[in-house]
Amino acid sequence: MQKITTYFRESYKELMEKVTWPTWTQLQQSTMIVIAATLVITALVAGMDFITNLVLNQIYKIF
């Protein structure tokens, strides 16, 4: 039981004293980067899906 208590005590201490939390501005900037990257990747996947669909439809028309 002592090991569990020590684990939680040290985890709490690390969380409160050693972790560097981002500022509000940093958090907003990181969020915008994630949103932009998500939109770019979504557009790429949608484009690949569209092109694949066109190619496969042309192949299906042949057969």
C-alpha atoms as a PDB file:
ATOM      1  CA  MET A   1       0.000   0.000   0.000  1.00  0.00           C
ATOM      2  CA  GLN A   2       2.929   2.301   0.706  1.00  0.00           C
ATOM      3  CA  LYS A   3       4.182   2.015  -2.890  1.00  0.00           C
ATOM      4  CA  ILE A   4       0.809   3.072  -4.286  1.00  0.00           C
ATOM      5  CA  THR A   5       0.638   6.061  -1.940  1.00  0.00           C
ATOM      6  CA  THR A   6       4.178   7.072  -2.876  1.00  0.00           C
ATOM      7  CA  TYR A   7       3.372   6.714  -6.581  1.00  0.00           C
ATOM      8  CA  PHE A   8       0.357   9.036  -6.353  1.00  0.00           C
ATOM      9  CA  ARG A   9       2.197  11.536  -4.161  1.00  0.00           C
ATOM     10  CA  GLU A  10       5.147  11.719  -6.575  1.00  0.00           C
ATOM     11  CA  SER A  11       2.862  11.862  -9.612  1.00  0.00           C
ATOM     12  CA  TYR A  12       0.966  14.792  -8.110  1.00  0.00           C
ATOM     13  CA  LYS A  13       4.217  16.567  -7.222  1.00  0.00           C
ATOM     14  CA  GLU A  14       5.539  16.097 -10.763  1.00  0.00           C
ATOM     15  CA  LEU A  15       2.294  17.348 -12.265  1.00  0.00           C
ATOM     16  CA  MET A  16       2.260  20.485 -10.139  1.00  0.00           C
ATOM     17  CA  GLU A  17       5.970  21.366 -10.056  1.00  0.00           C
ATOM     18  CA  LYS A  18       7.707  19.910 -13.100  1.00  0.00           C
ATOM     19  CA  VAL A  19       5.166  20.112 -15.903  1.00  0.00           C
ATOM     20  CA  THR A  20       5.307  23.252 -18.034  1.00  0.00           C
ATOM     21  CA  TRP A  21       1.797  24.236 -19.069  1.00  0.00           C
ATOM     22  CA  PRO A  22       1.344  26.231 -22.302  1.00  0.00           C
ATOM     23  CA  THR A  23       0.153  29.798 -22.199  1.00  0.00           C
ATOM     24  CA  TRP A  24      -3.227  30.713 -23.679  1.00  0.00           C
ATOM     25  CA  THR A  25      -1.531  32.114 -26.800  1.00  0.00           C
ATOM     26  CA  GLN A  26       0.573  28.976 -27.284  1.00  0.00           C
ATOM     27  CA  LEU A  27      -2.512  26.829 -26.855  1.00  0.00           C
ATOM     28  CA  GLN A  28      -4.411  28.823 -29.495  1.00  0.00           C
ATOM     29  CA  GLN A  29      -1.484  28.629 -31.931  1.00  0.00           C
ATOM     30  CA  SER A  30      -1.145  24.878 -31.451  1.00  0.00           C
ATOM     31  CA  THR A  31      -4.879  24.424 -31.947  1.00  0.00           C
ATOM     32  CA  MET A  32      -4.801  26.387 -35.210  1.00  0.00           C
ATOM     33  CA  ILE A  33      -1.873  24.287 -36.462  1.00  0.00           C
ATOM     34  CA  VAL A  34      -3.758  21.073 -35.677  1.00  0.00           C
ATOM     35  CA  ILE A  35      -6.921  22.364 -37.405  1.00  0.00           C
ATOM     36  CA  ALA A  36      -4.957  23.451 -40.481  1.00  0.00           C
ATOM     37  CA  ALA A  37      -3.109  20.136 -40.693  1.00  0.00           C
ATOM     38  CA  THR A  38      -6.390  18.254 -40.319  1.00  0.00           C
ATOM     39  CA  LEU A  39      -7.964  20.235 -43.150  1.00  0.00           C
ATOM     40  CA  VAL A  40      -4.967  19.690 -45.435  1.00  0.00           C
ATOM     41  CA  ILE A  41      -4.848  15.952 -44.769  1.00  0.00           C
ATOM     42  CA  THR A  42      -8.624  15.701 -45.214  1.00  0.00           C
ATOM     43  CA  ALA A  43      -8.374  17.485 -48.565  1.00  0.00           C
ATOM     44  CA  LEU A  44      -5.571  15.163 -49.688  1.00  0.00           C
ATOM     45  CA  VAL A  45      -7.516  12.041 -48.744  1.00  0.00           C
ATOM     46  CA  ALA A  46     -10.676  13.388 -50.407  1.00  0.00           C
ATOM     47  CA  GLY A  47      -8.675  14.169 -53.567  1.00  0.00           C
ATOM     48  CA  MET A  48      -7.141  10.692 -53.638  1.00  0.00           C
ATOM     49  CA  ASP A  49     -10.585   9.170 -53.115  1.00  0.00           C
ATOM     50  CA  PHE A  50     -12.053  11.223 -55.953  1.00  0.00           C
ATOM     51  CA  ILE A  51      -9.246  10.308 -58.356  1.00  0.00           C
ATOM     52  CA  THR A  52      -9.386   6.629 -57.389  1.00  0.00           C
ATOM     53  CA  ASN A  53     -13.139   6.652 -57.934  1.00  0.00           C
ATOM     54  CA  LEU A  54     -12.722   8.148 -61.419  1.00  0.00           C
ATOM     55  CA  VAL A  55     -10.035   5.653 -62.404  1.00  0.00           C
ATOM     56  CA  LEU A  56     -11.970   2.655 -61.111  1.00  0.00           C
ATOM     57  CA  ASN A  57     -15.156   3.778 -62.838  1.00  0.00           C
ATOM     58  CA  GLN A  58     -13.246   3.977 -66.133  1.00  0.00           C
ATOM     59  CA  ILE A  59     -11.846   0.499 -65.579  1.00  0.00           C
ATOM     60  CA  TYR A  60     -15.317  -0.870 -64.732  1.00  0.00           C
ATOM     61  CA  LYS A  61     -16.732   0.631 -67.933  1.00  0.00           C
ATOM     62  CA  ILE A  62     -14.188  -1.350 -69.967  1.00  0.00           C
ATOM     63  CA  PHE A  63     -15.300  -4.644 -68.443  1.00  0.00           C
END
